[in-house]
PDB file of N, CA and C in Angstrom:
ATOM      1  N   UNK A   1      27.419 -18.916  38.402  1.00  0.00           N
ATOM      2  CA  UNK A   1      28.316 -19.896  38.947  1.00  0.00           C
ATOM      3  C   UNK A   1      28.058 -20.131  40.427  1.00  0.00           C
ATOM      4  N   UNK A   2      26.858 -19.894  40.886  1.00  0.00           N
ATOM      5  CA  UNK A   2      26.537 -20.069  42.291  1.00  0.00           C
ATOM      6  C   UNK A   2      26.502 -21.542  42.683  1.00  0.00           C
ATOM      7  N   UNK A   3      26.347 -22.441  41.724  1.00  0.00           N
ATOM      8  CA  UNK A   3      26.232 -23.864  42.016  1.00  0.00           C
ATOM      9  C   UNK A   3      27.572 -24.594  42.009  1.00  0.00           C
ATOM     10  N   UNK A   4      28.676 -23.890  42.009  1.00  0.00           N
ATOM     11  CA  UNK A   4      29.997 -24.507  41.985  1.00  0.00           C
ATOM     12  C   UNK A   4      30.380 -24.907  43.408  1.00  0.00           C
ATOM     13  N   UNK A   5      30.845 -26.145  43.558  1.00  0.00           N
ATOM     14  CA  UNK A   5      31.286 -26.622  44.871  1.00  0.00           C
ATOM     15  C   UNK A   5      32.621 -25.993  45.237  1.00  0.00           C
ATOM     16  N   UNK A   6      32.863 -25.841  46.521  1.00  0.00           N
ATOM     17  CA  UNK A   6      34.117 -25.258  46.987  1.00  0.00           C
ATOM     18  C   UNK A   6      35.314 -26.101  46.582  1.00  0.00           C
ATOM     19  N   UNK A   7      35.140 -27.413  46.531  1.00  0.00           N
ATOM     20  CA  UNK A   7      36.255 -28.293  46.198  1.00  0.00           C
ATOM     21  C   UNK A   7      36.500 -28.392  44.694  1.00  0.00           C
ATOM     22  N   UNK A   8      35.575 -27.890  43.888  1.00  0.00           N
ATOM     23  CA  UNK A   8      35.713 -27.978  42.431  1.00  0.00           C
ATOM     24  C   UNK A   8      36.509 -26.785  41.919  1.00  0.00           C
ATOM     25  N   UNK A   9      37.788 -27.014  41.646  1.00  0.00           N
ATOM     26  CA  UNK A   9      38.661 -25.934  41.190  1.00  0.00           C
ATOM     27  C   UNK A   9      38.586 -25.742  39.683  1.00  0.00           C
ATOM     28  N   UNK A  10      38.015 -26.706  38.927  1.00  0.00           N
ATOM     29  CA  UNK A  10      38.022 -26.625  37.475  1.00  0.00           C
ATOM     30  C   UNK A  10      37.248 -25.415  36.955  1.00  0.00           C
ATOM     31  N   UNK A  11      36.227 -24.993  37.665  1.00  0.00           N
ATOM     32  CA  UNK A  11      35.436 -23.852  37.213  1.00  0.00           C
ATOM     33  C   UNK A  11      36.180 -22.537  37.416  1.00  0.00           C
ATOM     34  N   UNK A  12      37.132 -22.539  38.360  1.00  0.00           N
ATOM     35  CA  UNK A  12      37.861 -21.301  38.648  1.00  0.00           C
ATOM     36  C   UNK A  12      39.126 -21.160  37.822  1.00  0.00           C
ATOM     37  N   UNK A  13      39.639 -22.241  37.287  1.00  0.00           N
ATOM     38  CA  UNK A  13      40.876 -22.187  36.521  1.00  0.00           C
ATOM     39  C   UNK A  13      40.522 -22.122  35.040  1.00  0.00           C
ATOM     40  N   UNK A  14      40.867 -21.024  34.411  1.00  0.00           N
ATOM     41  CA  UNK A  14      40.578 -20.906  32.990  1.00  0.00           C
ATOM     42  C   UNK A  14      41.722 -21.509  32.185  1.00  0.00           C
ATOM     43  N   UNK A  15      41.390 -22.125  31.052  1.00  0.00           N
ATOM     44  CA  UNK A  15      42.451 -22.744  30.258  1.00  0.00           C
ATOM     45  C   UNK A  15      43.403 -21.702  29.687  1.00  0.00           C
ATOM     46  N   UNK A  16      44.645 -22.090  29.539  1.00  0.00           N
ATOM     47  CA  UNK A  16      45.645 -21.191  28.978  1.00  0.00           C
ATOM     48  C   UNK A  16      45.435 -21.111  27.469  1.00  0.00           C
ATOM     49  N   UNK A  17      45.224 -19.935  26.957  1.00  0.00           N
ATOM     50  CA  UNK A  17      45.022 -19.748  25.527  1.00  0.00           C
ATOM     51  C   UNK A  17      46.104 -18.819  24.997  1.00  0.00           C
ATOM     52  N   UNK A  18      46.532 -19.107  23.792  1.00  0.00           N
ATOM     53  CA  UNK A  18      47.495 -18.230  23.151  1.00  0.00           C
ATOM     54  C   UNK A  18      46.914 -17.771  21.822  1.00  0.00           C
ATOM     55  N   UNK A  19      47.373 -16.658  21.384  1.00  0.00           N
ATOM     56  CA  UNK A  19      46.912 -16.110  20.116  1.00  0.00           C
ATOM     57  C   UNK A  19      47.411 -16.999  18.989  1.00  0.00           C
ATOM     58  N   UNK A  20      46.538 -17.314  18.052  1.00  0.00           N
ATOM     59  CA  UNK A  20      46.937 -18.170  16.930  1.00  0.00           C
ATOM     60  C   UNK A  20      47.768 -17.428  15.903  1.00  0.00           C
ATOM     61  N   UNK A  21      47.528 -16.140  15.761  1.00  0.00           N
ATOM     62  CA  UNK A  21      48.293 -15.337  14.806  1.00  0.00           C
ATOM     63  C   UNK A  21      49.315 -14.541  15.607  1.00  0.00           C
ATOM     64  N   UNK A  22      50.584 -14.634  15.201  1.00  0.00           N
ATOM     65  CA  UNK A  22      51.620 -13.942  15.960  1.00  0.00           C
ATOM     66  C   UNK A  22      52.703 -13.411  15.025  1.00  0.00           C
ATOM     67  N   UNK A  23      53.470 -12.467  15.568  1.00  0.00           N
ATOM     68  CA  UNK A  23      54.530 -11.796  14.824  1.00  0.00           C
ATOM     69  C   UNK A  23      55.872 -12.278  15.351  1.00  0.00           C
ATOM     70  N   UNK A  24      56.753 -12.668  14.427  1.00  0.00           N
ATOM     71  CA  UNK A  24      58.095 -13.088  14.819  1.00  0.00           C
ATOM     72  C   UNK A  24      59.070 -12.554  13.775  1.00  0.00           C
ATOM     73  N   UNK A  25      60.004 -11.720  14.188  1.00  0.00           N
ATOM     74  CA  UNK A  25      61.022 -11.130  13.312  1.00  0.00           C
ATOM     75  C   UNK A  25      60.385 -10.350  12.163  1.00  0.00           C
ATOM     76  N   UNK A  26      59.365  -9.561  12.488  1.00  0.00           N
ATOM     77  CA  UNK A  26      58.662  -8.697  11.534  1.00  0.00           C
ATOM     78  C   UNK A  26      57.897  -9.464  10.461  1.00  0.00           C
ATOM     79  N   UNK A  27      57.643 -10.748  10.676  1.00  0.00           N
ATOM     80  CA  UNK A  27      56.821 -11.544   9.767  1.00  0.00           C
ATOM     81  C   UNK A  27      55.700 -12.188  10.572  1.00  0.00           C
ATOM     82  N   UNK A  28      54.605 -12.512   9.906  1.00  0.00           N
ATOM     83  CA  UNK A  28      53.418 -13.030  10.579  1.00  0.00           C
ATOM     84  C   UNK A  28      53.254 -14.515  10.310  1.00  0.00           C
ATOM     85  N   UNK A  29      52.792 -15.233  11.335  1.00  0.00           N
ATOM     86  CA  UNK A  29      52.568 -16.670  11.276  1.00  0.00           C
ATOM     87  C   UNK A  29      51.244 -16.980  11.969  1.00  0.00           C
ATOM     88  N   UNK A  30      50.728 -18.193  11.715  1.00  0.00           N
ATOM     89  CA  UNK A  30      49.654 -18.707  12.559  1.00  0.00           C
ATOM     90  C   UNK A  30      50.014 -20.115  12.993  1.00  0.00           C
ATOM     91  N   UNK A  31      49.492 -20.490  14.159  1.00  0.00           N
ATOM     92  CA  UNK A  31      49.808 -21.788  14.759  1.00  0.00           C
ATOM     93  C   UNK A  31      48.590 -22.698  14.659  1.00  0.00           C
ATOM     94  N   UNK A  32      48.820 -23.936  14.221  1.00  0.00           N
ATOM     95  CA  UNK A  32      47.745 -24.921  14.138  1.00  0.00           C
ATOM     96  C   UNK A  32      47.563 -25.598  15.488  1.00  0.00           C
ATOM     97  N   UNK A  33      46.491 -26.369  15.634  1.00  0.00           N
ATOM     98  CA  UNK A  33      46.258 -27.106  16.881  1.00  0.00           C
ATOM     99  C   UNK A  33      47.362 -28.100  17.154  1.00  0.00           C
ATOM    100  N   UNK A  34      47.957 -28.597  16.082  1.00  0.00           N
ATOM    101  CA  UNK A  34      49.032 -29.575  16.235  1.00  0.00           C
ATOM    102  C   UNK A  34      50.339 -28.928  16.664  1.00  0.00           C
ATOM    103  N   UNK A  35      50.363 -27.591  16.759  1.00  0.00           N
ATOM    104  CA  UNK A  35      51.552 -26.875  17.197  1.00  0.00           C
ATOM    105  C   UNK A  35      52.482 -26.477  16.060  1.00  0.00           C
ATOM    106  N   UNK A  36      52.044 -26.647  14.816  1.00  0.00           N
ATOM    107  CA  UNK A  36      52.870 -26.291  13.662  1.00  0.00           C
ATOM    108  C   UNK A  36      52.683 -24.817  13.328  1.00  0.00           C
ATOM    109  N   UNK A  37      53.766 -24.108  13.095  1.00  0.00           N
ATOM    110  CA  UNK A  37      53.698 -22.701  12.696  1.00  0.00           C
ATOM    111  C   UNK A  37      53.647 -22.635  11.182  1.00  0.00           C
ATOM    112  N   UNK A  38      52.663 -21.890  10.651  1.00  0.00           N
ATOM    113  CA  UNK A  38      52.498 -21.748   9.209  1.00  0.00           C
ATOM    114  C   UNK A  38      52.791 -20.302   8.844  1.00  0.00           C
ATOM    115  N   UNK A  39      53.636 -20.114   7.862  1.00  0.00           N
ATOM    116  CA  UNK A  39      54.004 -18.779   7.427  1.00  0.00           C
ATOM    117  C   UNK A  39      55.368 -18.832   6.812  1.00  0.00           C
ATOM    118  N   UNK A  40      56.014 -17.770   6.604  1.00  0.00           N
ATOM    119  CA  UNK A  40      55.712 -16.394   7.029  1.00  0.00           C
ATOM    120  C   UNK A  40      54.807 -15.665   6.024  1.00  0.00           C
ATOM    121  N   UNK A  41      54.121 -14.669   6.555  1.00  0.00           N
ATOM    122  CA  UNK A  41      53.290 -13.765   5.768  1.00  0.00           C
ATOM    123  C   UNK A  41      53.764 -12.345   6.041  1.00  0.00           C
ATOM    124  N   UNK A  42      53.647 -11.493   5.053  1.00  0.00           N
ATOM    125  CA  UNK A  42      54.117 -10.110   5.229  1.00  0.00           C
ATOM    126  C   UNK A  42      53.207  -9.292   6.130  1.00  0.00           C
ATOM    127  N   UNK A  43      51.904  -9.596   6.078  1.00  0.00           N
ATOM    128  CA  UNK A  43      50.933  -8.781   6.814  1.00  0.00           C
ATOM    129  C   UNK A  43      50.094  -9.656   7.742  1.00  0.00           C
ATOM    130  N   UNK A  44      49.648  -9.070   8.834  1.00  0.00           N
ATOM    131  CA  UNK A  44      48.784  -9.780   9.772  1.00  0.00           C
ATOM    132  C   UNK A  44      47.486 -10.185   9.099  1.00  0.00           C
ATOM    133  N   UNK A  45      46.918  -9.301   8.288  1.00  0.00           N
ATOM    134  CA  UNK A  45      45.660  -9.608   7.608  1.00  0.00           C
ATOM    135  C   UNK A  45      45.806 -10.822   6.687  1.00  0.00           C
ATOM    136  N   UNK A  46      46.955 -10.944   6.051  1.00  0.00           N
ATOM    137  CA  UNK A  46      47.203 -12.091   5.188  1.00  0.00           C
ATOM    138  C   UNK A  46      47.277 -13.381   6.007  1.00  0.00           C
ATOM    139  N   UNK A  47      47.933 -13.328   7.143  1.00  0.00           N
ATOM    140  CA  UNK A  47      48.025 -14.500   8.017  1.00  0.00           C
ATOM    141  C   UNK A  47      46.648 -14.912   8.518  1.00  0.00           C
ATOM    142  N   UNK A  48      45.823 -13.937   8.909  1.00  0.00           N
ATOM    143  CA  UNK A  48      44.468 -14.240   9.375  1.00  0.00           C
ATOM    144  C   UNK A  48      43.613 -14.821   8.250  1.00  0.00           C
ATOM    145  N   UNK A  49      43.758 -14.286   7.057  1.00  0.00           N
ATOM    146  CA  UNK A  49      43.004 -14.795   5.911  1.00  0.00           C
ATOM    147  C   UNK A  49      43.411 -16.246   5.615  1.00  0.00           C
ATOM    148  N   UNK A  50      44.697 -16.533   5.664  1.00  0.00           N
ATOM    149  CA  UNK A  50      45.175 -17.884   5.404  1.00  0.00           C
ATOM    150  C   UNK A  50      44.762 -18.841   6.526  1.00  0.00           C
ATOM    151  N   UNK A  51      44.694 -18.354   7.759  1.00  0.00           N
ATOM    152  CA  UNK A  51      44.212 -19.167   8.871  1.00  0.00           C
ATOM    153  C   UNK A  51      42.748 -19.539   8.636  1.00  0.00           C
ATOM    154  N   UNK A  52      41.939 -18.577   8.222  1.00  0.00           N
ATOM    155  CA  UNK A  52      40.532 -18.845   7.928  1.00  0.00           C
ATOM    156  C   UNK A  52      40.403 -19.892   6.829  1.00  0.00           C
ATOM    157  N   UNK A  53      41.198 -19.767   5.776  1.00  0.00           N
ATOM    158  CA  UNK A  53      41.173 -20.741   4.682  1.00  0.00           C
ATOM    159  C   UNK A  53      41.636 -22.118   5.170  1.00  0.00           C
ATOM    160  N   UNK A  54      42.655 -22.147   6.013  1.00  0.00           N
ATOM    161  CA  UNK A  54      43.156 -23.397   6.570  1.00  0.00           C
ATOM    162  C   UNK A  54      42.059 -24.112   7.360  1.00  0.00           C
ATOM    163  N   UNK A  55      41.332 -23.353   8.186  1.00  0.00           N
ATOM    164  CA  UNK A  55      40.246 -23.932   8.990  1.00  0.00           C
ATOM    165  C   UNK A  55      39.153 -24.475   8.082  1.00  0.00           C
ATOM    166  N   UNK A  56      38.784 -23.725   7.045  1.00  0.00           N
ATOM    167  CA  UNK A  56      37.772 -24.213   6.085  1.00  0.00           C
ATOM    168  C   UNK A  56      38.219 -25.512   5.429  1.00  0.00           C
ATOM    169  N   UNK A  57      39.475 -25.568   5.015  1.00  0.00           N
ATOM    170  CA  UNK A  57      40.000 -26.778   4.377  1.00  0.00           C
ATOM    171  C   UNK A  57      39.956 -27.966   5.328  1.00  0.00           C
ATOM    172  N   UNK A  58      40.330 -27.758   6.585  1.00  0.00           N
ATOM    173  CA  UNK A  58      40.306 -28.844   7.562  1.00  0.00           C
ATOM    174  C   UNK A  58      38.880 -29.327   7.824  1.00  0.00           C
ATOM    175  N   UNK A  59      37.938 -28.398   7.888  1.00  0.00           N
ATOM    176  CA  UNK A  59      36.540 -28.777   8.099  1.00  0.00           C
ATOM    177  C   UNK A  59      36.014 -29.575   6.908  1.00  0.00           C
ATOM    178  N   UNK A  60      36.408 -29.196   5.699  1.00  0.00           N
ATOM    179  CA  UNK A  60      35.983 -29.930   4.502  1.00  0.00           C
ATOM    180  C   UNK A  60      36.560 -31.342   4.499  1.00  0.00           C
ATOM    181  N   UNK A  61      37.815 -31.475   4.901  1.00  0.00           N
ATOM    182  CA  UNK A  61      38.443 -32.798   4.963  1.00  0.00           C
ATOM    183  C   UNK A  61      37.737 -33.672   5.995  1.00  0.00           C
ATOM    184  N   UNK A  62      37.400 -33.101   7.150  1.00  0.00           N
ATOM    185  CA  UNK A  62      36.692 -33.859   8.189  1.00  0.00           C
ATOM    186  C   UNK A  62      35.311 -34.273   7.712  1.00  0.00           C
ATOM    187  N   UNK A  63      34.621 -33.385   6.991  1.00  0.00           N
ATOM    188  CA  UNK A  63      33.278 -33.710   6.488  1.00  0.00           C
ATOM    189  C   UNK A  63      33.339 -34.851   5.482  1.00  0.00           C
ATOM    190  N   UNK A  64      34.371 -34.888   4.665  1.00  0.00           N
ATOM    191  CA  UNK A  64      34.513 -35.965   3.686  1.00  0.00           C
ATOM    192  C   UNK A  64      34.862 -37.283   4.371  1.00  0.00           C
ATOM    193  N   UNK A  65      35.556 -37.221   5.481  1.00  0.00           N
ATOM    194  CA  UNK A  65      35.986 -38.436   6.180  1.00  0.00           C
ATOM    195  C   UNK A  65      34.845 -39.083   6.961  1.00  0.00           C
ATOM    196  N   UNK A  66      33.814 -38.292   7.314  1.00  0.00           N
ATOM    197  CA  UNK A  66      32.688 -38.847   8.060  1.00  0.00           C
ATOM    198  C   UNK A  66      31.908 -39.820   7.191  1.00  0.00           C
ATOM    199  N   UNK A  67      31.474 -40.940   7.755  1.00  0.00           N
ATOM    200  CA  UNK A  67      30.668 -41.867   6.961  1.00  0.00           C
ATOM    201  C   UNK A  67      29.312 -41.250   6.637  1.00  0.00           C
ATOM    202  N   UNK A  68      28.924 -41.381   5.398  1.00  0.00           N
ATOM    203  CA  UNK A  68      27.641 -40.838   4.957  1.00  0.00           C
ATOM    204  C   UNK A  68      26.565 -41.900   5.134  1.00  0.00           C
ATOM    205  N   UNK A  69      25.411 -41.486   5.631  1.00  0.00           N
ATOM    206  CA  UNK A  69      24.296 -42.408   5.758  1.00  0.00           C
ATOM    207  C   UNK A  69      23.802 -42.735   4.358  1.00  0.00           C
ATOM    208  N   UNK A  70      23.712 -44.001   4.070  1.00  0.00           N
ATOM    209  CA  UNK A  70      23.289 -44.375   2.727  1.00  0.00           C
ATOM    210  C   UNK A  70      21.773 -44.338   2.622  1.00  0.00           C
ATOM    211  N   UNK A  71      21.310 -43.870   1.494  1.00  0.00           N
ATOM    212  CA  UNK A  71      19.878 -43.827   1.226  1.00  0.00           C
ATOM    213  C   UNK A  71      19.466 -45.166   0.625  1.00  0.00           C
ATOM    214  N   UNK A  72      18.281 -45.623   0.953  1.00  0.00           N
ATOM    215  CA  UNK A  72      17.832 -46.850   0.297  1.00  0.00           C
ATOM    216  C   UNK A  72      17.534 -46.546  -1.177  1.00  0.00           C
ATOM    217  N   UNK A  73      17.946 -47.444  -2.027  1.00  0.00           N
ATOM    218  CA  UNK A  73      17.699 -47.268  -3.451  1.00  0.00           C
ATOM    219  C   UNK A  73      16.602 -48.234  -3.879  1.00  0.00           C
ATOM    220  N   UNK A  74      15.605 -47.698  -4.518  1.00  0.00           N
ATOM    221  CA  UNK A  74      14.501 -48.510  -4.999  1.00  0.00           C
ATOM    222  C   UNK A  74      14.503 -48.499  -6.520  1.00  0.00           C
ATOM    223  N   UNK A  75      14.172 -49.632  -7.057  1.00  0.00           N
ATOM    224  CA  UNK A  75      13.976 -49.669  -8.502  1.00  0.00           C
ATOM    225  C   UNK A  75      12.616 -49.072  -8.784  1.00  0.00           C
ATOM    226  N   UNK A  76      12.563 -48.169  -9.735  1.00  0.00           N
ATOM    227  CA  UNK A  76      11.291 -47.543 -10.071  1.00  0.00           C
ATOM    228  C   UNK A  76      10.291 -48.569 -10.587  1.00  0.00           C
ATOM    229  N   UNK A  77      10.783 -49.559 -11.309  1.00  0.00           N
ATOM    230  CA  UNK A  77       9.860 -50.570 -11.833  1.00  0.00           C
ATOM    231  C   UNK A  77       9.223 -51.366 -10.696  1.00  0.00           C
ATOM    232  N   UNK A  78       9.974 -51.638  -9.618  1.00  0.00           N
ATOM    233  CA  UNK A  78       9.421 -52.374  -8.479  1.00  0.00           C
ATOM    234  C   UNK A  78       8.363 -51.545  -7.771  1.00  0.00           C
ATOM    235  N   UNK A  79       8.602 -50.248  -7.651  1.00  0.00           N
ATOM    236  CA  UNK A  79       7.620 -49.363  -7.021  1.00  0.00           C
ATOM    237  C   UNK A  79       6.362 -49.306  -7.882  1.00  0.00           C
ATOM    238  N   UNK A  80       6.525 -49.199  -9.193  1.00  0.00           N
ATOM    239  CA  UNK A  80       5.384 -49.142 -10.100  1.00  0.00           C
ATOM    240  C   UNK A  80       4.584 -50.443 -10.047  1.00  0.00           C
ATOM    241  N   UNK A  81       5.285 -51.568  -9.995  1.00  0.00           N
ATOM    242  CA  UNK A  81       4.603 -52.866  -9.915  1.00  0.00           C
ATOM    243  C   UNK A  81       3.803 -52.974  -8.625  1.00  0.00           C
ATOM    244  N   UNK A  82       4.384 -52.541  -7.519  1.00  0.00           N
ATOM    245  CA  UNK A  82       3.695 -52.598  -6.230  1.00  0.00           C
ATOM    246  C   UNK A  82       2.467 -51.697  -6.232  1.00  0.00           C
ATOM    247  N   UNK A  83       2.601 -50.518  -6.789  1.00  0.00           N
ATOM    248  CA  UNK A  83       1.462 -49.596  -6.867  1.00  0.00           C
ATOM    249  C   UNK A  83       0.366 -50.156  -7.760  1.00  0.00           C
ATOM    250  N   UNK A  84       0.764 -50.778  -8.856  1.00  0.00           N
ATOM    251  CA  UNK A  84      -0.225 -51.352  -9.778  1.00  0.00           C
ATOM    252  C   UNK A  84      -0.980 -52.496  -9.114  1.00  0.00           C
ATOM    253  N   UNK A  85      -0.271 -53.349  -8.358  1.00  0.00           N
ATOM    254  CA  UNK A  85      -0.935 -54.440  -7.640  1.00  0.00           C
ATOM    255  C   UNK A  85      -1.901 -53.896  -6.598  1.00  0.00           C
ATOM    256  N   UNK A  86      -1.493 -52.848  -5.899  1.00  0.00           N
ATOM    257  CA  UNK A  86      -2.363 -52.257  -4.878  1.00  0.00           C
ATOM    258  C   UNK A  86      -3.622 -51.689  -5.509  1.00  0.00           C
ATOM    259  N   UNK A  87      -3.489 -51.016  -6.655  1.00  0.00           N
ATOM    260  CA  UNK A  87      -4.663 -50.486  -7.340  1.00  0.00           C
ATOM    261  C   UNK A  87      -5.587 -51.594  -7.826  1.00  0.00           C
ATOM    262  N   UNK A  88      -5.011 -52.669  -8.291  1.00  0.00           N
ATOM    263  CA  UNK A  88      -5.805 -53.812  -8.759  1.00  0.00           C
ATOM    264  C   UNK A  88      -6.605 -54.385  -7.603  1.00  0.00           C
ATOM    265  N   UNK A  89      -5.960 -54.526  -6.430  1.00  0.00           N
ATOM    266  CA  UNK A  89      -6.656 -55.061  -5.266  1.00  0.00           C
ATOM    267  C   UNK A  89      -7.772 -54.115  -4.803  1.00  0.00           C
ATOM    268  N   UNK A  90      -7.524 -52.825  -4.863  1.00  0.00           N
ATOM    269  CA  UNK A  90      -8.543 -51.843  -4.444  1.00  0.00           C
ATOM    270  C   UNK A  90      -9.727 -51.910  -5.398  1.00  0.00           C
ATOM    271  N   UNK A  91      -9.435 -51.954  -6.686  1.00  0.00           N
ATOM    272  CA  UNK A  91     -10.523 -52.018  -7.690  1.00  0.00           C
ATOM    273  C   UNK A  91     -11.316 -53.309  -7.545  1.00  0.00           C
ATOM    274  N   UNK A  92     -10.651 -54.376  -7.177  1.00  0.00           N
ATOM    275  CA  UNK A  92     -11.333 -55.662  -7.025  1.00  0.00           C
ATOM    276  C   UNK A  92     -12.099 -55.720  -5.712  1.00  0.00           C
ATOM    277  N   UNK A  93     -11.861 -54.782  -4.841  1.00  0.00           N
ATOM    278  CA  UNK A  93     -12.570 -54.745  -3.563  1.00  0.00           C
ATOM    279  C   UNK A  93     -11.998 -55.716  -2.548  1.00  0.00           C
ATOM    280  N   UNK A  94     -10.776 -56.062  -2.684  1.00  0.00           N
ATOM    281  CA  UNK A  94     -10.145 -57.002  -1.758  1.00  0.00           C
ATOM    282  C   UNK A  94      -9.477 -56.251  -0.635  1.00  0.00           C
TER     283      UNK A  94
END
């Protein structure tokens, strides 16, 4: 961090982070990015496991929402016709 300017405070201030899995009234919960508490769970390990599953589900939903690049579709008969014409021209010496 030797290249940080004296006036640039952003490099010195770390973002406030809170634990996603927490205990409240002897039950375990996890907090989503949207600020929603999910639970209760009896055990911390169960809350962490469900958080992992929640993240996987959200990633799958995001992947499905992304536009997929479409592949060009070729008719096999058109490809065969083009190849046959090319071979005919080669054999004819054109």
